[in-house]
């Protein structure tokens, strides 16, 4: 019985690890901010459930770190705004080549975040990042 329970536990761990979404690649992203909508690009690298990468903003590049568990991606990076450090954190549900969620600024203000993965051979990082997906009518 102990062997059976151990085997069942190991199988569940393998299944949950295998079901994590891959976010590796370049994404066209956007978010709402207090100053209006902002478009940018994100390059994700993924190893297991750990995510690293670079956010390409009009004002420069910043590194990001995060995790992906199942279909939920969480990542953050820090920017300088009016000579203050601002932590920008995202939580999104990943579905294939798109993700939708929210962005938090210093864990206070919250607004919409969205991204769509570029197809292989798509525009280079740094090109126009207008990525807002069309609204669905349910």
Protein backbone atom coordinates (compact mmCIF):
# COMPACT_ATOMS: atom_id res chain seq x y z
CA UNK A 1 0.00 0.00 0.00
CA UNK A 2 2.85 2.41 0.83
CA UNK A 3 4.45 1.71 -2.55
CA UNK A 4 1.15 2.36 -4.29
CA UNK A 5 0.67 5.70 -2.51
CA UNK A 6 4.28 6.69 -3.25
CA UNK A 7 3.82 5.79 -6.94
CA UNK A 8 0.57 7.73 -7.06
CA UNK A 9 2.22 10.79 -5.47
CA UNK A 10 5.13 10.67 -7.93
CA UNK A 11 2.77 10.32 -10.89
CA UNK A 12 0.75 13.34 -9.72
CA UNK A 13 3.95 15.39 -9.37
CA UNK A 14 5.06 14.46 -12.90
CA UNK A 15 1.63 15.29 -14.35
CA UNK A 16 1.45 18.69 -12.61
CA UNK A 17 4.99 19.58 -13.75
CA UNK A 18 4.26 18.48 -17.32
CA UNK A 19 1.10 20.60 -17.47
CA UNK A 20 2.94 23.89 -16.92
CA UNK A 21 2.56 26.21 -19.92
CA UNK A 22 5.66 27.13 -21.88
CA UNK A 23 6.08 30.90 -22.10
CA UNK A 24 9.50 30.85 -23.78
CA UNK A 25 9.82 33.24 -26.69
CA UNK A 26 9.13 36.84 -27.65
CA UNK A 27 5.77 38.38 -26.77
CA UNK A 28 4.07 41.58 -27.91
CA UNK A 29 2.56 42.99 -24.72
CA UNK A 30 0.50 45.86 -23.46
CA UNK A 31 -0.96 47.20 -20.26
CA UNK A 32 -3.14 49.99 -19.01
CA UNK A 33 -1.42 52.53 -16.78
CA UNK A 34 -2.62 55.68 -15.03
CA UNK A 35 -1.07 57.58 -17.97
CA UNK A 36 -2.79 55.50 -20.68
CA UNK A 37 -2.10 52.30 -22.59
CA UNK A 38 1.52 51.17 -23.00
CA UNK A 39 2.93 48.68 -25.53
CA UNK A 40 6.22 46.81 -25.18
CA UNK A 41 7.96 43.50 -25.92
CA UNK A 42 8.98 40.74 -23.55
CA UNK A 43 11.53 37.98 -24.12
CA UNK A 44 10.99 35.01 -21.79
CA UNK A 45 13.37 32.14 -21.08
CA UNK A 46 12.00 29.24 -19.07
CA UNK A 47 13.64 26.41 -17.16
CA UNK A 48 11.09 24.23 -15.38
CA UNK A 49 8.78 26.61 -13.55
CA UNK A 50 11.39 29.42 -13.34
CA UNK A 51 11.11 32.30 -15.78
CA UNK A 52 13.70 34.96 -16.58
CA UNK A 53 13.91 37.43 -19.40
CA UNK A 54 13.95 41.01 -20.58
CA UNK A 55 11.26 43.66 -20.94
CA UNK A 56 11.92 45.98 -23.90
CA UNK A 57 10.34 49.35 -23.11
CA UNK A 58 10.63 52.58 -25.08
CA UNK A 59 12.87 53.90 -22.29
CA UNK A 60 15.17 50.86 -22.23
CA UNK A 61 15.54 47.22 -21.27
CA UNK A 62 14.93 45.76 -17.81
CA UNK A 63 15.41 42.20 -16.53
CA UNK A 64 12.48 40.19 -15.18
CA UNK A 65 12.10 37.12 -12.99
CA UNK A 66 9.10 34.96 -12.27
CA UNK A 67 7.42 31.57 -12.18
CA UNK A 68 4.84 29.64 -14.14
CA UNK A 69 2.57 27.11 -12.41
CA UNK A 70 0.05 25.36 -14.61
CA UNK A 71 -1.47 28.11 -16.73
CA UNK A 72 -0.58 30.96 -14.33
CA UNK A 73 2.44 33.15 -15.01
CA UNK A 74 3.75 35.56 -12.36
CA UNK A 75 6.69 37.85 -13.08
CA UNK A 76 8.04 41.21 -12.02
CA UNK A 77 10.61 43.84 -12.88
CA UNK A 78 11.63 47.21 -11.48
CA UNK A 79 11.65 50.53 -13.32
CA UNK A 80 12.59 54.06 -12.40
CA UNK A 81 9.72 56.54 -12.58
CA UNK A 82 10.18 60.18 -11.52
CA UNK A 83 13.43 59.12 -9.81
CA UNK A 84 11.57 56.48 -7.76
CA UNK A 85 11.84 52.69 -8.02
CA UNK A 86 8.57 51.09 -9.06
CA UNK A 87 8.02 47.34 -8.89
CA UNK A 88 5.88 46.24 -11.83
CA UNK A 89 4.32 42.82 -11.22
CA UNK A 90 2.19 40.81 -13.62
CA UNK A 91 -0.11 37.85 -13.10
CA UNK A 92 -1.61 36.29 -16.21
CA UNK A 93 -3.42 33.20 -17.40
CA UNK A 94 -1.56 31.68 -20.36
CA UNK A 95 -3.53 29.95 -23.12
CA UNK A 96 -1.26 28.84 -25.95
CA UNK A 97 0.14 31.96 -27.61
CA UNK A 98 -1.81 34.52 -25.60
CA UNK A 99 -2.06 35.66 -22.01
CA UNK A 100 -4.40 37.99 -20.17
CA UNK A 101 -4.20 39.20 -16.60
CA UNK A 102 -3.33 42.19 -14.51
CA UNK A 103 -0.41 44.42 -13.66
CA UNK A 104 0.30 45.89 -10.22
CA UNK A 105 2.46 48.91 -9.55
CA UNK A 106 4.29 48.67 -6.18
CA UNK A 107 1.58 46.17 -5.18
CA UNK A 108 -0.93 49.04 -5.03
CA UNK A 109 -2.63 50.14 -8.24
CA UNK A 110 -3.91 47.33 -10.50
CA UNK A 111 -4.89 47.39 -14.18
CA UNK A 112 -5.17 45.19 -17.31
CA UNK A 113 -2.22 43.34 -18.90
CA UNK A 114 -2.23 41.28 -22.12
CA UNK A 115 0.31 39.68 -24.46
CA UNK A 116 0.51 37.58 -27.60
CA UNK A 117 3.50 35.40 -28.52
CA UNK A 118 5.24 36.30 -31.76
CA UNK A 119 5.31 33.62 -34.40
CA UNK A 120 8.76 32.32 -35.35
CA UNK A 121 10.11 34.69 -37.97
CA UNK A 122 7.94 37.55 -36.64
CA UNK A 123 9.15 41.13 -36.10
CA UNK A 124 12.38 41.57 -34.20
CA UNK A 125 12.42 42.61 -30.56
CA UNK A 126 12.13 46.38 -30.38
CA UNK A 127 9.67 46.64 -33.28
CA UNK A 128 6.12 48.00 -32.77
CA UNK A 129 4.45 46.15 -29.90
CA UNK A 130 0.75 46.79 -30.40
CA UNK A 131 -0.49 43.48 -29.07
CA UNK A 132 -3.89 44.10 -27.55
CA UNK A 133 -6.10 41.12 -28.45
CA UNK A 134 -9.53 41.68 -29.92
CA UNK A 135 -12.32 41.72 -27.34
CA UNK A 136 -14.49 38.62 -27.27
CA UNK A 137 -18.22 38.83 -26.96
CA UNK A 138 -19.41 35.96 -24.74
